């Protein structure tokens, strides 16, 4: 009874077997970093979402910390995107272009 949907969950030798998380596959961007303002689901509070960065998690976290410090506001790094609180699109565009990235302001 070999089913492709079955897996071992307990072993008498080692006990409960932990499922290894699958690595998150990110889509490759087109080389353009997009900055978008979003308020939906945030009780009217606006955030700038930066997408299209082709970096690993450590580099994204470091860049997010640097951008938060230079903008003087909070933010987060989630699922390959950087969120910066407030409407700081113009300042973020200048900072990212100074790093040699091609930046577009997306959305309204």
N, C-alpha and C. Protein backbone atom coordinates (compact mmCIF):
# COMPACT_ATOMS: atom_id res chain seq x y z
N UNK A 1 0.82 -1.17 0.00
CA UNK A 1 0.00 0.00 0.00
C UNK A 1 0.88 1.25 0.00
N UNK A 2 1.57 1.49 -1.08
CA UNK A 2 2.45 2.63 -1.20
C UNK A 2 1.69 3.78 -1.85
N UNK A 3 1.33 4.75 -1.04
CA UNK A 3 0.60 5.91 -1.53
C UNK A 3 1.54 7.10 -1.57
N UNK A 4 1.47 7.89 -2.62
CA UNK A 4 2.37 9.04 -2.74
C UNK A 4 2.02 10.14 -1.74
N UNK A 5 0.84 10.05 -1.14
CA UNK A 5 0.41 11.06 -0.19
C UNK A 5 0.69 10.65 1.26
N UNK A 6 1.28 9.49 1.47
CA UNK A 6 1.55 9.04 2.84
C UNK A 6 2.98 9.37 3.23
N UNK A 7 3.18 9.54 4.54
CA UNK A 7 4.51 9.81 5.04
C UNK A 7 4.60 9.26 6.45
N UNK A 8 5.81 9.06 6.93
CA UNK A 8 6.06 8.53 8.25
C UNK A 8 5.95 9.66 9.27
N UNK A 9 5.11 9.49 10.31
CA UNK A 9 4.93 10.53 11.31
C UNK A 9 5.48 10.14 12.68
N UNK A 10 5.71 8.84 12.89
CA UNK A 10 6.22 8.40 14.19
C UNK A 10 7.09 7.18 14.00
N UNK A 11 8.16 7.13 14.74
CA UNK A 11 9.06 5.98 14.70
C UNK A 11 9.31 5.54 16.13
N UNK A 12 9.35 4.24 16.38
CA UNK A 12 9.61 3.76 17.73
C UNK A 12 11.05 4.04 18.14
N UNK A 13 11.94 4.25 17.19
CA UNK A 13 13.33 4.55 17.51
C UNK A 13 13.53 6.01 17.92
N UNK A 14 12.98 6.93 17.14
CA UNK A 14 13.25 8.35 17.37
C UNK A 14 12.05 9.15 17.85
N UNK A 15 10.87 8.57 17.87
CA UNK A 15 9.69 9.31 18.29
C UNK A 15 9.06 10.05 17.13
N UNK A 16 8.45 11.19 17.44
CA UNK A 16 7.76 11.96 16.41
C UNK A 16 8.75 12.47 15.37
N UNK A 17 8.39 12.34 14.12
CA UNK A 17 9.25 12.76 13.02
C UNK A 17 8.76 14.12 12.53
N UNK A 18 9.66 15.08 12.56
CA UNK A 18 9.31 16.43 12.13
C UNK A 18 9.37 16.52 10.61
N UNK A 19 8.37 17.17 10.08
CA UNK A 19 8.33 17.38 8.63
C UNK A 19 9.25 18.54 8.28
N UNK A 20 10.11 18.33 7.31
CA UNK A 20 11.03 19.39 6.90
C UNK A 20 10.30 20.37 6.01
N UNK A 21 10.41 21.67 6.32
CA UNK A 21 9.71 22.65 5.49
C UNK A 21 10.34 22.74 4.11
N UNK A 22 9.47 22.86 3.13
CA UNK A 22 9.94 22.99 1.76
C UNK A 22 10.48 24.40 1.55
N UNK A 23 11.59 24.56 0.85
CA UNK A 23 12.11 25.91 0.60
C UNK A 23 11.13 26.71 -0.25
N UNK A 24 10.97 27.96 0.11
CA UNK A 24 10.05 28.83 -0.62
C UNK A 24 10.70 29.25 -1.93
N UNK A 25 10.03 28.95 -3.02
CA UNK A 25 10.56 29.31 -4.33
C UNK A 25 10.03 30.68 -4.72
N UNK A 26 10.93 31.61 -4.92
CA UNK A 26 10.54 32.96 -5.34
C UNK A 26 10.64 33.06 -6.85
N UNK A 27 9.74 33.85 -7.39
CA UNK A 27 9.77 34.04 -8.83
C UNK A 27 10.88 35.03 -9.18
N UNK A 28 11.53 34.76 -10.27
CA UNK A 28 12.58 35.66 -10.74
C UNK A 28 11.92 36.89 -11.34
N UNK A 29 12.41 38.05 -10.94
CA UNK A 29 11.84 39.29 -11.45
C UNK A 29 12.39 39.65 -12.81
N UNK A 30 11.95 40.79 -13.31
CA UNK A 30 12.41 41.27 -14.60
C UNK A 30 13.53 42.29 -14.45
N UNK A 31 14.10 42.39 -13.24
CA UNK A 31 15.20 43.31 -13.00
C UNK A 31 14.75 44.70 -12.61
N UNK A 32 13.44 44.89 -12.43
CA UNK A 32 12.91 46.19 -12.05
C UNK A 32 12.35 46.09 -10.64
N UNK A 33 12.79 46.98 -9.76
CA UNK A 33 12.27 47.04 -8.41
C UNK A 33 11.05 47.95 -8.42
N UNK A 34 9.94 47.46 -7.87
CA UNK A 34 8.70 48.24 -7.87
C UNK A 34 8.34 48.65 -6.46
N UNK A 35 7.95 49.93 -6.32
CA UNK A 35 7.52 50.46 -5.04
C UNK A 35 6.04 50.80 -5.17
N UNK A 36 5.23 50.19 -4.32
CA UNK A 36 3.78 50.33 -4.40
C UNK A 36 3.24 50.76 -3.05
N UNK A 37 2.27 51.66 -3.04
CA UNK A 37 1.63 52.07 -1.79
C UNK A 37 0.37 51.24 -1.61
N UNK A 38 0.17 50.73 -0.40
CA UNK A 38 -0.98 49.86 -0.14
C UNK A 38 -1.60 50.21 1.20
N UNK A 39 -2.93 50.24 1.24
CA UNK A 39 -3.63 50.49 2.50
C UNK A 39 -4.63 49.40 2.84
N UNK A 40 -4.91 48.50 1.91
CA UNK A 40 -5.96 47.51 2.13
C UNK A 40 -5.59 46.56 3.27
N UNK A 41 -6.54 46.34 4.17
CA UNK A 41 -6.34 45.43 5.28
C UNK A 41 -5.48 46.01 6.38
N UNK A 42 -5.25 47.31 6.37
CA UNK A 42 -4.36 47.93 7.36
C UNK A 42 -5.06 49.06 8.10
N UNK A 43 -6.39 49.06 8.12
CA UNK A 43 -7.19 50.07 8.81
C UNK A 43 -6.85 51.48 8.34
N UNK A 44 -6.62 51.65 7.05
CA UNK A 44 -6.35 52.96 6.48
C UNK A 44 -4.91 53.42 6.57
N UNK A 45 -4.08 52.69 7.29
CA UNK A 45 -2.67 53.06 7.41
C UNK A 45 -1.94 52.61 6.15
N UNK A 46 -1.18 53.51 5.55
CA UNK A 46 -0.49 53.20 4.31
C UNK A 46 0.90 52.65 4.54
N UNK A 47 1.30 51.72 3.71
CA UNK A 47 2.67 51.22 3.72
C UNK A 47 3.17 51.20 2.28
N UNK A 48 4.48 51.29 2.12
CA UNK A 48 5.11 51.14 0.81
C UNK A 48 5.67 49.73 0.73
N UNK A 49 5.30 49.01 -0.31
CA UNK A 49 5.77 47.65 -0.50
C UNK A 49 6.77 47.63 -1.64
N UNK A 50 7.96 47.11 -1.35
CA UNK A 50 9.04 47.05 -2.34
C UNK A 50 9.15 45.60 -2.81
N UNK A 51 8.93 45.37 -4.09
CA UNK A 51 9.00 44.03 -4.66
C UNK A 51 10.01 44.02 -5.81
N UNK A 52 10.38 42.81 -6.24
CA UNK A 52 11.28 42.65 -7.38
C UNK A 52 12.74 42.64 -7.01
N UNK A 53 13.05 42.56 -5.71
CA UNK A 53 14.45 42.49 -5.29
C UNK A 53 14.91 41.05 -5.38
N UNK A 54 15.95 40.81 -6.14
CA UNK A 54 16.47 39.45 -6.33
C UNK A 54 17.62 39.24 -5.34
N UNK A 55 17.27 39.06 -4.05
CA UNK A 55 18.27 38.90 -2.99
C UNK A 55 17.85 37.74 -2.09
N UNK A 56 18.80 37.23 -1.33
CA UNK A 56 18.46 36.20 -0.35
C UNK A 56 17.90 36.87 0.90
N UNK A 57 17.42 36.06 1.85
CA UNK A 57 16.73 36.59 3.03
C UNK A 57 17.63 37.48 3.88
N UNK A 58 18.89 37.12 4.04
CA UNK A 58 19.80 37.91 4.87
C UNK A 58 20.03 39.29 4.26
N UNK A 59 20.22 39.34 2.95
CA UNK A 59 20.44 40.62 2.27
C UNK A 59 19.17 41.48 2.31
N UNK A 60 18.00 40.84 2.17
CA UNK A 60 16.74 41.58 2.24
C UNK A 60 16.54 42.19 3.63
N UNK A 61 16.87 41.43 4.67
CA UNK A 61 16.73 41.92 6.04
C UNK A 61 17.66 43.10 6.28
N UNK A 62 18.89 42.99 5.79
CA UNK A 62 19.85 44.09 5.96
C UNK A 62 19.39 45.34 5.20
N UNK A 63 18.92 45.16 3.98
CA UNK A 63 18.44 46.30 3.20
C UNK A 63 17.21 46.92 3.84
N UNK A 64 16.30 46.07 4.34
CA UNK A 64 15.11 46.57 5.03
C UNK A 64 15.47 47.40 6.25
N UNK A 65 16.44 46.94 7.03
CA UNK A 65 16.87 47.68 8.22
C UNK A 65 17.48 49.02 7.83
N UNK A 66 18.27 49.03 6.77
CA UNK A 66 18.90 50.27 6.32
C UNK A 66 17.85 51.27 5.83
N UNK A 67 16.86 50.79 5.06
CA UNK A 67 15.82 51.68 4.54
C UNK A 67 14.96 52.24 5.68
N UNK A 68 14.64 51.39 6.67
CA UNK A 68 13.85 51.86 7.81
C UNK A 68 14.60 52.95 8.58
N UNK A 69 15.91 52.75 8.73
CA UNK A 69 16.72 53.72 9.46
C UNK A 69 16.78 55.05 8.72
N UNK A 70 16.99 55.00 7.39
CA UNK A 70 17.11 56.24 6.62
C UNK A 70 15.77 56.96 6.46
N UNK A 71 14.66 56.21 6.50
CA UNK A 71 13.34 56.83 6.39
C UNK A 71 12.82 57.27 7.76
N UNK A 72 13.40 56.75 8.81
CA UNK A 72 12.96 57.10 10.15
C UNK A 72 11.59 56.56 10.49
N UNK A 73 11.32 55.32 10.07
CA UNK A 73 10.01 54.73 10.34
C UNK A 73 10.17 53.21 10.49
N UNK A 74 9.07 52.55 10.79
CA UNK A 74 9.09 51.11 10.98
C UNK A 74 8.84 50.38 9.68
N UNK A 75 8.85 49.07 9.78
CA UNK A 75 8.60 48.25 8.61
C UNK A 75 8.86 46.79 8.90
N UNK A 76 8.82 45.96 7.85
CA UNK A 76 9.02 44.52 8.01
C UNK A 76 9.50 43.93 6.69
N UNK A 77 10.09 42.74 6.79
CA UNK A 77 10.47 41.97 5.61
C UNK A 77 9.63 40.72 5.62
N UNK A 78 8.78 40.54 4.61
CA UNK A 78 7.86 39.40 4.55
C UNK A 78 7.89 38.78 3.17
N UNK A 79 8.16 37.50 3.10
CA UNK A 79 8.04 36.70 1.87
C UNK A 79 8.70 37.35 0.66
N UNK A 80 9.91 37.83 0.82
CA UNK A 80 10.65 38.39 -0.30
C UNK A 80 10.30 39.82 -0.64
N UNK A 81 9.47 40.47 0.18
CA UNK A 81 9.15 41.88 -0.03
C UNK A 81 9.53 42.67 1.21
N UNK A 82 9.75 43.96 1.03
CA UNK A 82 10.05 44.85 2.15
C UNK A 82 8.87 45.80 2.28
N UNK A 83 8.36 45.94 3.52
CA UNK A 83 7.28 46.87 3.80
C UNK A 83 7.83 48.00 4.65
N UNK A 84 7.60 49.22 4.22
CA UNK A 84 8.02 50.41 4.96
C UNK A 84 6.76 51.21 5.30
N UNK A 85 6.60 51.57 6.58
CA UNK A 85 5.40 52.28 7.01
C UNK A 85 5.40 53.71 6.50
N UNK A 86 4.22 54.17 6.11
CA UNK A 86 4.07 55.54 5.63
C UNK A 86 4.26 55.64 4.12
N UNK A 87 3.96 56.82 3.60
CA UNK A 87 4.10 57.06 2.15
C UNK A 87 5.46 57.71 1.90
N UNK A 88 6.48 56.88 1.70
CA UNK A 88 7.85 57.36 1.50
C UNK A 88 8.38 56.92 0.13
N UNK A 89 7.49 56.83 -0.86
CA UNK A 89 7.89 56.29 -2.16
C UNK A 89 9.02 57.07 -2.81
N UNK A 90 8.95 58.40 -2.77
CA UNK A 90 9.98 59.21 -3.45
C UNK A 90 11.34 59.04 -2.78
N UNK A 91 11.36 59.04 -1.46
CA UNK A 91 12.62 58.85 -0.73
C UNK A 91 13.18 57.44 -0.97
N UNK A 92 12.30 56.43 -0.96
CA UNK A 92 12.75 55.06 -1.21
C UNK A 92 13.30 54.92 -2.63
N UNK A 93 12.66 55.59 -3.58
CA UNK A 93 13.15 55.53 -4.97
C UNK A 93 14.55 56.11 -5.06
N UNK A 94 14.79 57.24 -4.40
CA UNK A 94 16.12 57.86 -4.43
C UNK A 94 17.16 56.94 -3.79
N UNK A 95 16.81 56.35 -2.64
CA UNK A 95 17.77 55.49 -1.93
C UNK A 95 18.12 54.24 -2.74
N UNK A 96 17.11 53.64 -3.36
CA UNK A 96 17.36 52.41 -4.14
C UNK A 96 18.10 52.72 -5.44
N UNK A 97 17.80 53.86 -6.06
CA UNK A 97 18.52 54.22 -7.28
C UNK A 97 19.98 54.54 -6.97
N UNK A 98 20.25 55.06 -5.78
CA UNK A 98 21.63 55.33 -5.38
C UNK A 98 22.42 54.02 -5.23
N UNK A 99 21.72 52.92 -5.00
CA UNK A 99 22.37 51.61 -4.91
C UNK A 99 22.52 50.96 -6.28
N UNK A 100 22.10 51.64 -7.33
CA UNK A 100 22.27 51.14 -8.68
C UNK A 100 21.14 50.25 -9.16
N UNK A 101 19.98 50.32 -8.51
CA UNK A 101 18.85 49.50 -8.92
C UNK A 101 17.93 50.29 -9.84
N UNK A 102 17.25 49.61 -10.75
CA UNK A 102 16.28 50.24 -11.62
C UNK A 102 14.93 50.21 -10.89
N UNK A 103 14.35 51.38 -10.63
CA UNK A 103 13.18 51.50 -9.77
C UNK A 103 12.01 52.10 -10.53
N UNK A 104 10.79 51.56 -10.28
CA UNK A 104 9.56 52.11 -10.84
C UNK A 104 8.56 52.30 -9.70
N UNK A 105 7.80 53.37 -9.77
CA UNK A 105 6.69 53.56 -8.84
C UNK A 105 5.47 52.89 -9.45
N UNK A 106 4.94 51.90 -8.75
CA UNK A 106 3.81 51.13 -9.28
C UNK A 106 2.54 51.51 -8.54
N UNK A 107 1.42 51.32 -9.19
CA UNK A 107 0.13 51.59 -8.56
C UNK A 107 -0.18 53.07 -8.53
N UNK A 108 -1.24 53.41 -7.78
CA UNK A 108 -1.70 54.79 -7.74
C UNK A 108 -1.21 55.53 -6.62
